[in-house]
Amino acid sequence: MYKKVLVAVDFSTGSQKIMKRAIELVANDIEKLHLVHIVESVPVVWGMHSYAIDPVDLQNKVLEGSRISMQEFAKGFNIPEDRQQVIIGTPAPTIREYQSDIGADAIVIGSHGHSGWKIMLGSTANSLLHGATVDVLTVHVPDEN
């Protein structure tokens, strides 16, 4: 049985299915679950100051929106704030690093469809598996249109 499970969510409709599988994995012991959402960095390049959108401002707005989404999502599963994290970074390595930081012994993540251009571009779940030092459960969730 797992003692601490990290659940990576993106707030899509599939996140509900991912959480339900994570809850099953810990035999309904919600205390074992920790949530993480990764926000990718907004790239800042020379000359962006001439655009109407400030990239730092945009990043802060995305972070704040993600924190609100996390709170709403977590509330539906009774996950307290001290077990919710929103982090800026590249998804797969950031999830692995956070898993290590909190000492989780498993990761649960969604895996969307693997057809057409998605195979060529890869996926967070696939990238996460490479280099993972703990069990990773990938939950198939249907693609959203």
N, C-alpha and C. Protein backbone atom coordinates (compact mmCIF):
# COMPACT_ATOMS: atom_id res chain seq x y z
N MET A 1 0.85 -1.18 0.00
CA MET A 1 0.00 0.00 0.00
C MET A 1 0.89 1.24 0.00
N TYR A 2 0.46 2.25 -0.71
CA TYR A 2 1.23 3.49 -0.80
C TYR A 2 0.96 4.37 0.41
N LYS A 3 2.00 5.09 0.84
CA LYS A 3 1.87 5.97 2.00
C LYS A 3 1.57 7.41 1.61
N LYS A 4 2.10 7.83 0.44
CA LYS A 4 1.89 9.20 -0.03
C LYS A 4 1.87 9.18 -1.55
N VAL A 5 0.78 9.67 -2.12
CA VAL A 5 0.60 9.63 -3.56
C VAL A 5 0.43 11.06 -4.09
N LEU A 6 1.22 11.39 -5.10
CA LEU A 6 1.14 12.69 -5.75
C LEU A 6 0.24 12.56 -6.97
N VAL A 7 -0.77 13.41 -7.06
CA VAL A 7 -1.70 13.40 -8.17
C VAL A 7 -1.50 14.68 -8.98
N ALA A 8 -1.09 14.53 -10.23
CA ALA A 8 -0.88 15.67 -11.11
C ALA A 8 -2.16 15.93 -11.89
N VAL A 9 -2.67 17.14 -11.79
CA VAL A 9 -3.94 17.47 -12.45
C VAL A 9 -3.77 18.69 -13.34
N ASP A 10 -4.61 18.75 -14.38
CA ASP A 10 -4.58 19.90 -15.28
C ASP A 10 -5.93 20.62 -15.32
N PHE A 11 -6.86 20.20 -14.50
CA PHE A 11 -8.20 20.77 -14.35
C PHE A 11 -9.10 20.54 -15.56
N SER A 12 -8.70 19.64 -16.46
CA SER A 12 -9.58 19.26 -17.55
C SER A 12 -10.67 18.36 -16.96
N THR A 13 -11.65 18.00 -17.78
CA THR A 13 -12.70 17.12 -17.27
C THR A 13 -12.12 15.76 -16.88
N GLY A 14 -11.02 15.37 -17.48
CA GLY A 14 -10.38 14.11 -17.14
C GLY A 14 -9.78 14.08 -15.75
N SER A 15 -9.54 15.24 -15.16
CA SER A 15 -8.96 15.31 -13.82
C SER A 15 -9.86 14.65 -12.78
N GLN A 16 -11.16 14.69 -12.98
CA GLN A 16 -12.08 14.02 -12.07
C GLN A 16 -11.82 12.51 -12.07
N LYS A 17 -11.64 11.94 -13.26
CA LYS A 17 -11.38 10.51 -13.39
C LYS A 17 -10.03 10.17 -12.76
N ILE A 18 -9.04 11.00 -12.95
CA ILE A 18 -7.71 10.78 -12.38
C ILE A 18 -7.81 10.75 -10.86
N MET A 19 -8.54 11.69 -10.28
CA MET A 19 -8.68 11.72 -8.82
C MET A 19 -9.42 10.49 -8.30
N LYS A 20 -10.45 10.07 -9.00
CA LYS A 20 -11.20 8.89 -8.57
C LYS A 20 -10.29 7.66 -8.55
N ARG A 21 -9.42 7.52 -9.54
CA ARG A 21 -8.48 6.40 -9.56
C ARG A 21 -7.46 6.51 -8.44
N ALA A 22 -7.00 7.74 -8.17
CA ALA A 22 -6.04 7.95 -7.07
C ALA A 22 -6.68 7.59 -5.74
N ILE A 23 -7.93 7.95 -5.57
CA ILE A 23 -8.65 7.63 -4.33
C ILE A 23 -8.79 6.11 -4.19
N GLU A 24 -9.09 5.42 -5.28
CA GLU A 24 -9.14 3.96 -5.26
C GLU A 24 -7.78 3.37 -4.88
N LEU A 25 -6.71 3.97 -5.43
CA LEU A 25 -5.36 3.47 -5.19
C LEU A 25 -4.98 3.52 -3.71
N VAL A 26 -5.49 4.52 -3.00
CA VAL A 26 -5.18 4.64 -1.56
C VAL A 26 -6.32 4.14 -0.69
N ALA A 27 -7.20 3.36 -1.28
CA ALA A 27 -8.33 2.76 -0.56
C ALA A 27 -9.13 3.80 0.22
N ASN A 28 -9.44 4.90 -0.45
CA ASN A 28 -10.26 5.99 0.10
C ASN A 28 -9.59 6.77 1.24
N ASP A 29 -8.31 6.58 1.46
CA ASP A 29 -7.60 7.31 2.51
C ASP A 29 -7.06 8.63 1.92
N ILE A 30 -7.93 9.63 1.88
CA ILE A 30 -7.64 10.92 1.26
C ILE A 30 -6.39 11.58 1.87
N GLU A 31 -6.10 11.27 3.11
CA GLU A 31 -4.94 11.85 3.79
C GLU A 31 -3.63 11.52 3.08
N LYS A 32 -3.62 10.51 2.24
CA LYS A 32 -2.40 10.10 1.54
C LYS A 32 -2.18 10.86 0.23
N LEU A 33 -3.16 11.65 -0.18
CA LEU A 33 -3.10 12.31 -1.48
C LEU A 33 -2.58 13.74 -1.40
N HIS A 34 -1.71 14.08 -2.35
CA HIS A 34 -1.20 15.44 -2.54
C HIS A 34 -1.45 15.81 -3.99
N LEU A 35 -1.85 17.05 -4.23
CA LEU A 35 -2.14 17.50 -5.59
C LEU A 35 -1.08 18.46 -6.08
N VAL A 36 -0.80 18.38 -7.37
CA VAL A 36 0.11 19.34 -7.99
C VAL A 36 -0.42 19.71 -9.37
N HIS A 37 -0.25 20.97 -9.71
CA HIS A 37 -0.55 21.48 -11.05
C HIS A 37 0.66 22.27 -11.49
N ILE A 38 1.13 22.01 -12.69
CA ILE A 38 2.30 22.69 -13.21
C ILE A 38 1.87 23.73 -14.24
N VAL A 39 2.36 24.95 -14.05
CA VAL A 39 2.13 26.05 -14.99
C VAL A 39 3.43 26.25 -15.76
N GLU A 40 3.36 26.12 -17.06
CA GLU A 40 4.57 26.32 -17.85
C GLU A 40 4.92 27.81 -17.90
N SER A 41 6.21 28.09 -17.89
CA SER A 41 6.68 29.47 -17.91
C SER A 41 6.25 30.18 -19.18
N VAL A 42 5.90 31.44 -19.02
CA VAL A 42 5.64 32.28 -20.18
C VAL A 42 7.00 32.77 -20.65
N PRO A 43 7.38 32.44 -21.89
CA PRO A 43 8.71 32.85 -22.35
C PRO A 43 8.81 34.37 -22.47
N VAL A 44 9.91 34.89 -22.03
CA VAL A 44 10.18 36.33 -22.13
C VAL A 44 11.36 36.49 -23.08
N VAL A 45 11.12 37.18 -24.17
CA VAL A 45 12.18 37.41 -25.15
C VAL A 45 12.41 38.89 -25.34
N TRP A 46 13.57 39.20 -25.81
CA TRP A 46 13.93 40.60 -26.03
C TRP A 46 12.91 41.26 -26.95
N GLY A 47 12.48 42.43 -26.60
CA GLY A 47 11.54 43.18 -27.41
C GLY A 47 10.09 42.99 -27.04
N MET A 48 9.81 42.11 -26.09
CA MET A 48 8.42 41.87 -25.72
C MET A 48 7.80 43.08 -25.03
N HIS A 49 8.62 43.95 -24.49
CA HIS A 49 8.10 45.13 -23.79
C HIS A 49 7.30 46.03 -24.73
N SER A 50 7.50 45.86 -26.05
CA SER A 50 6.77 46.69 -27.00
C SER A 50 5.35 46.19 -27.25
N TYR A 51 5.04 45.01 -26.74
CA TYR A 51 3.68 44.48 -26.90
C TYR A 51 2.80 44.97 -25.75
N ALA A 52 1.51 44.88 -25.96
CA ALA A 52 0.56 45.36 -24.96
C ALA A 52 0.51 44.46 -23.72
N ILE A 53 0.93 43.22 -23.86
CA ILE A 53 0.86 42.27 -22.74
C ILE A 53 2.24 42.15 -22.10
N ASP A 54 2.30 42.41 -20.83
CA ASP A 54 3.53 42.22 -20.06
C ASP A 54 3.62 40.74 -19.70
N PRO A 55 4.68 40.04 -20.14
CA PRO A 55 4.76 38.60 -19.87
C PRO A 55 4.79 38.25 -18.38
N VAL A 56 5.39 39.09 -17.56
CA VAL A 56 5.42 38.83 -16.12
C VAL A 56 4.00 38.96 -15.55
N ASP A 57 3.28 39.97 -16.00
CA ASP A 57 1.90 40.16 -15.59
C ASP A 57 1.04 38.97 -16.02
N LEU A 58 1.26 38.52 -17.25
CA LEU A 58 0.53 37.37 -17.77
C LEU A 58 0.82 36.12 -16.93
N GLN A 59 2.10 35.90 -16.60
CA GLN A 59 2.48 34.75 -15.79
C GLN A 59 1.79 34.79 -14.43
N ASN A 60 1.76 35.97 -13.82
CA ASN A 60 1.11 36.12 -12.51
C ASN A 60 -0.39 35.85 -12.59
N LYS A 61 -1.02 36.28 -13.67
CA LYS A 61 -2.45 36.03 -13.84
C LYS A 61 -2.73 34.54 -14.03
N VAL A 62 -1.88 33.87 -14.80
CA VAL A 62 -2.05 32.43 -15.00
C VAL A 62 -1.86 31.70 -13.67
N LEU A 63 -0.84 32.10 -12.90
CA LEU A 63 -0.61 31.48 -11.59
C LEU A 63 -1.80 31.66 -10.66
N GLU A 64 -2.30 32.87 -10.59
CA GLU A 64 -3.43 33.16 -9.71
C GLU A 64 -4.66 32.36 -10.14
N GLY A 65 -4.92 32.32 -11.44
CA GLY A 65 -6.05 31.53 -11.94
C GLY A 65 -5.89 30.05 -11.63
N SER A 66 -4.66 29.56 -11.74
CA SER A 66 -4.38 28.15 -11.45
C SER A 66 -4.56 27.86 -9.97
N ARG A 67 -4.16 28.78 -9.12
CA ARG A 67 -4.34 28.58 -7.67
C ARG A 67 -5.83 28.53 -7.31
N ILE A 68 -6.61 29.39 -7.94
CA ILE A 68 -8.06 29.38 -7.69
C ILE A 68 -8.67 28.06 -8.19
N SER A 69 -8.25 27.64 -9.39
CA SER A 69 -8.75 26.37 -9.93
C SER A 69 -8.36 25.21 -9.03
N MET A 70 -7.14 25.24 -8.49
CA MET A 70 -6.69 24.18 -7.60
C MET A 70 -7.55 24.13 -6.34
N GLN A 71 -7.81 25.29 -5.76
CA GLN A 71 -8.62 25.33 -4.54
C GLN A 71 -10.02 24.78 -4.79
N GLU A 72 -10.62 25.16 -5.91
CA GLU A 72 -11.96 24.67 -6.24
C GLU A 72 -11.96 23.17 -6.50
N PHE A 73 -10.96 22.70 -7.24
CA PHE A 73 -10.87 21.28 -7.55
C PHE A 73 -10.65 20.47 -6.27
N ALA A 74 -9.69 20.90 -5.46
CA ALA A 74 -9.34 20.18 -4.23
C ALA A 74 -10.49 20.16 -3.24
N LYS A 75 -11.26 21.22 -3.20
CA LYS A 75 -12.40 21.30 -2.28
C LYS A 75 -13.39 20.18 -2.56
N GLY A 76 -13.56 19.83 -3.82
CA GLY A 76 -14.48 18.77 -4.20
C GLY A 76 -14.07 17.40 -3.70
N PHE A 77 -12.80 17.27 -3.31
CA PHE A 77 -12.29 15.98 -2.82
C PHE A 77 -11.77 16.08 -1.38
N ASN A 78 -12.05 17.20 -0.73
CA ASN A 78 -11.63 17.43 0.65
C ASN A 78 -10.12 17.35 0.85
N ILE A 79 -9.36 17.86 -0.12
CA ILE A 79 -7.90 17.91 0.00
C ILE A 79 -7.53 19.28 0.58
N PRO A 80 -6.93 19.32 1.77
CA PRO A 80 -6.61 20.61 2.39
C PRO A 80 -5.52 21.38 1.64
N GLU A 81 -5.47 22.68 1.89
CA GLU A 81 -4.55 23.57 1.20
C GLU A 81 -3.09 23.17 1.37
N ASP A 82 -2.73 22.60 2.49
CA ASP A 82 -1.33 22.23 2.70
C ASP A 82 -0.90 21.03 1.85
N ARG A 83 -1.85 20.42 1.13
CA ARG A 83 -1.52 19.32 0.23
C ARG A 83 -1.88 19.66 -1.22
N GLN A 84 -1.88 20.97 -1.51
CA GLN A 84 -2.12 21.47 -2.86
C GLN A 84 -0.93 22.33 -3.26
N GLN A 85 -0.45 22.14 -4.47
CA GLN A 85 0.69 22.93 -4.92
C GLN A 85 0.54 23.30 -6.38
N VAL A 86 0.80 24.57 -6.69
CA VAL A 86 0.87 25.05 -8.06
C VAL A 86 2.29 25.55 -8.26
N ILE A 87 2.96 25.03 -9.28
CA ILE A 87 4.38 25.31 -9.49
C ILE A 87 4.63 25.73 -10.93
N ILE A 88 5.51 26.69 -11.13
CA ILE A 88 5.95 27.07 -12.48
C ILE A 88 7.09 26.15 -12.87
N GLY A 89 7.00 25.59 -14.07
CA GLY A 89 8.09 24.76 -14.56
C GLY A 89 7.69 23.93 -15.76
N THR A 90 8.60 23.08 -16.18
CA THR A 90 8.32 22.12 -17.24
C THR A 90 7.66 20.91 -16.58
N PRO A 91 6.49 20.49 -17.07
CA PRO A 91 5.70 19.51 -16.33
C PRO A 91 6.42 18.26 -15.83
N ALA A 92 6.96 17.43 -16.69
CA ALA A 92 7.51 16.15 -16.24
C ALA A 92 8.62 16.29 -15.21
N PRO A 93 9.68 17.05 -15.49
CA PRO A 93 10.74 17.14 -14.48
C PRO A 93 10.30 17.83 -13.20
N THR A 94 9.38 18.77 -13.31
CA THR A 94 8.89 19.48 -12.13
C THR A 94 8.05 18.56 -11.26
N ILE A 95 7.24 17.72 -11.88
CA ILE A 95 6.45 16.74 -11.12
C ILE A 95 7.39 15.76 -10.41
N ARG A 96 8.40 15.26 -11.13
CA ARG A 96 9.35 14.33 -10.51
C ARG A 96 10.09 15.00 -9.34
N GLU A 97 10.48 16.24 -9.51
CA GLU A 97 11.19 16.95 -8.43
C GLU A 97 10.28 17.15 -7.22
N TYR A 98 9.04 17.54 -7.46
CA TYR A 98 8.11 17.75 -6.35
C TYR A 98 7.80 16.42 -5.65
N GLN A 99 7.67 15.35 -6.42
CA GLN A 99 7.44 14.02 -5.84
C GLN A 99 8.57 13.68 -4.89
N SER A 100 9.79 13.95 -5.31
CA SER A 100 10.95 13.68 -4.47
C SER A 100 10.95 14.56 -3.22
N ASP A 101 10.63 15.84 -3.41
CA ASP A 101 10.62 16.79 -2.29
C ASP A 101 9.65 16.37 -1.18
N ILE A 102 8.48 15.87 -1.56
CA ILE A 102 7.49 15.51 -0.54
C ILE A 102 7.59 14.04 -0.12
N GLY A 103 8.44 13.27 -0.80
CA GLY A 103 8.61 11.87 -0.44
C GLY A 103 7.46 10.98 -0.85
N ALA A 104 6.77 11.33 -1.95
CA ALA A 104 5.67 10.49 -2.43
C ALA A 104 6.24 9.19 -2.98
N ASP A 105 5.52 8.10 -2.76
CA ASP A 105 5.98 6.81 -3.28
C ASP A 105 5.21 6.36 -4.51
N ALA A 106 4.38 7.25 -5.06
CA ALA A 106 3.69 6.97 -6.33
C ALA A 106 3.18 8.28 -6.90
N ILE A 107 2.99 8.28 -8.22
CA ILE A 107 2.45 9.43 -8.95
C ILE A 107 1.28 8.94 -9.78
N VAL A 108 0.20 9.71 -9.79
CA VAL A 108 -0.94 9.41 -10.66
C VAL A 108 -1.10 10.60 -11.60
N ILE A 109 -1.21 10.29 -12.90
CA ILE A 109 -1.32 11.34 -13.92
C ILE A 109 -2.22 10.83 -15.04
N GLY A 110 -2.83 11.75 -15.74
CA GLY A 110 -3.67 11.38 -16.88
C GLY A 110 -2.85 11.17 -18.12
N SER A 111 -3.36 10.33 -18.99
CA SER A 111 -2.74 10.09 -20.29
C SER A 111 -3.83 10.25 -21.34
N HIS A 112 -3.67 11.26 -22.16
CA HIS A 112 -4.66 11.53 -23.20
C HIS A 112 -4.38 10.64 -24.41
N GLY A 113 -5.18 10.79 -25.44
CA GLY A 113 -5.05 9.97 -26.64
C GLY A 113 -3.65 9.99 -27.23
N HIS A 114 -3.28 8.92 -27.83
CA HIS A 114 -1.97 8.80 -28.43
C HIS A 114 -2.11 8.46 -29.91
N SER A 115 -2.55 9.45 -30.66
CA SER A 115 -2.71 9.23 -32.09
C SER A 115 -2.27 10.49 -32.83
N GLY A 116 -1.96 10.32 -34.08
CA GLY A 116 -1.62 11.44 -34.93
C GLY A 116 -0.46 12.26 -34.41
N TRP A 117 -0.62 13.58 -34.42
CA TRP A 117 0.47 14.50 -34.06
C TRP A 117 0.87 14.39 -32.60
N LYS A 118 0.00 13.88 -31.73
CA LYS A 118 0.34 13.78 -30.31
C LYS A 118 1.49 12.80 -30.06
N ILE A 119 1.60 11.77 -30.91
CA ILE A 119 2.71 10.83 -30.77
C ILE A 119 4.02 11.54 -31.06
N MET A 120 4.03 12.37 -32.11
CA MET A 120 5.26 13.05 -32.50
C MET A 120 5.68 14.08 -31.44
N LEU A 121 4.75 14.75 -30.84
CA LEU A 121 5.07 15.78 -29.87
C LEU A 121 5.34 15.21 -28.48
N GLY A 122 4.92 13.98 -28.24
CA GLY A 122 5.11 13.38 -26.92
C GLY A 122 4.04 13.87 -25.97
N SER A 123 4.13 13.41 -24.73
CA SER A 123 3.14 13.81 -23.74
C SER A 123 3.80 13.92 -22.38
N THR A 124 3.15 14.63 -21.48
CA THR A 124 3.68 14.77 -20.13
C THR A 124 3.78 13.41 -19.45
N ALA A 125 2.76 12.57 -19.60
CA ALA A 125 2.79 11.25 -18.96
C ALA A 125 3.97 10.43 -19.46
N ASN A 126 4.19 10.43 -20.76
CA ASN A 126 5.29 9.68 -21.33
C ASN A 126 6.63 10.22 -20.84
N SER A 127 6.77 11.53 -20.83
CA SER A 127 8.01 12.15 -20.35
C SER A 127 8.23 11.88 -18.87
N LEU A 128 7.16 11.86 -18.11
CA LEU A 128 7.26 11.62 -16.68
C LEU A 128 7.80 10.22 -16.38
N LEU A 129 7.36 9.26 -17.18
CA LEU A 129 7.80 7.88 -16.97
C LEU A 129 9.31 7.74 -17.09
N HIS A 130 9.90 8.48 -18.02
CA HIS A 130 11.35 8.42 -18.23
C HIS A 130 12.03 9.20 -17.12
N GLY A 131 12.67 8.50 -16.23
CA GLY A 131 13.35 9.14 -15.12
C GLY A 131 12.61 9.04 -13.80
N ALA A 132 11.40 8.49 -13.82
CA ALA A 132 10.64 8.34 -12.57
C ALA A 132 11.32 7.30 -11.70
N THR A 133 11.37 7.57 -10.40
CA THR A 133 12.00 6.63 -9.46
C THR A 133 10.96 5.95 -8.57
N VAL A 134 9.67 6.23 -8.84
CA VAL A 134 8.58 5.61 -8.10
C VAL A 134 7.55 5.11 -9.10
N ASP A 135 6.57 4.36 -8.60
CA ASP A 135 5.50 3.87 -9.47
C ASP A 135 4.72 5.05 -10.04
N VAL A 136 4.34 4.92 -11.31
CA VAL A 136 3.53 5.94 -11.97
C VAL A 136 2.30 5.24 -12.55
N LEU A 137 1.13 5.69 -12.12
CA LEU A 137 -0.12 5.18 -12.68
C LEU A 137 -0.62 6.21 -13.68
N THR A 138 -0.74 5.79 -14.93
CA THR A 138 -1.31 6.67 -15.94
C THR A 138 -2.76 6.25 -16.16
N VAL A 139 -3.64 7.21 -16.02
CA VAL A 139 -5.08 6.97 -16.16
C VAL A 139 -5.50 7.49 -17.52
N HIS A 140 -6.03 6.62 -18.35
CA HIS A 140 -6.47 7.05 -19.67
C HIS A 140 -7.70 7.95 -19.54
N VAL A 141 -7.58 9.12 -20.11
CA VAL A 141 -8.72 10.04 -20.16
C VAL A 141 -8.95 10.41 -21.62
N PRO A 142 -10.21 10.50 -22.02
CA PRO A 142 -10.50 10.81 -23.41
C PRO A 142 -10.05 12.23 -23.78
N ASP A 143 -9.69 12.39 -25.05
CA ASP A 143 -9.33 13.72 -25.54
C ASP A 143 -10.54 14.63 -25.49
N GLU A 144 -10.29 15.89 -25.18
CA GLU A 144 -11.36 16.89 -25.21
C GLU A 144 -11.33 17.59 -26.55
N ASN A 145 -12.48 17.89 -27.08
CA ASN A 145 -12.55 18.60 -28.36
C ASN A 145 -12.64 20.07 -28.17
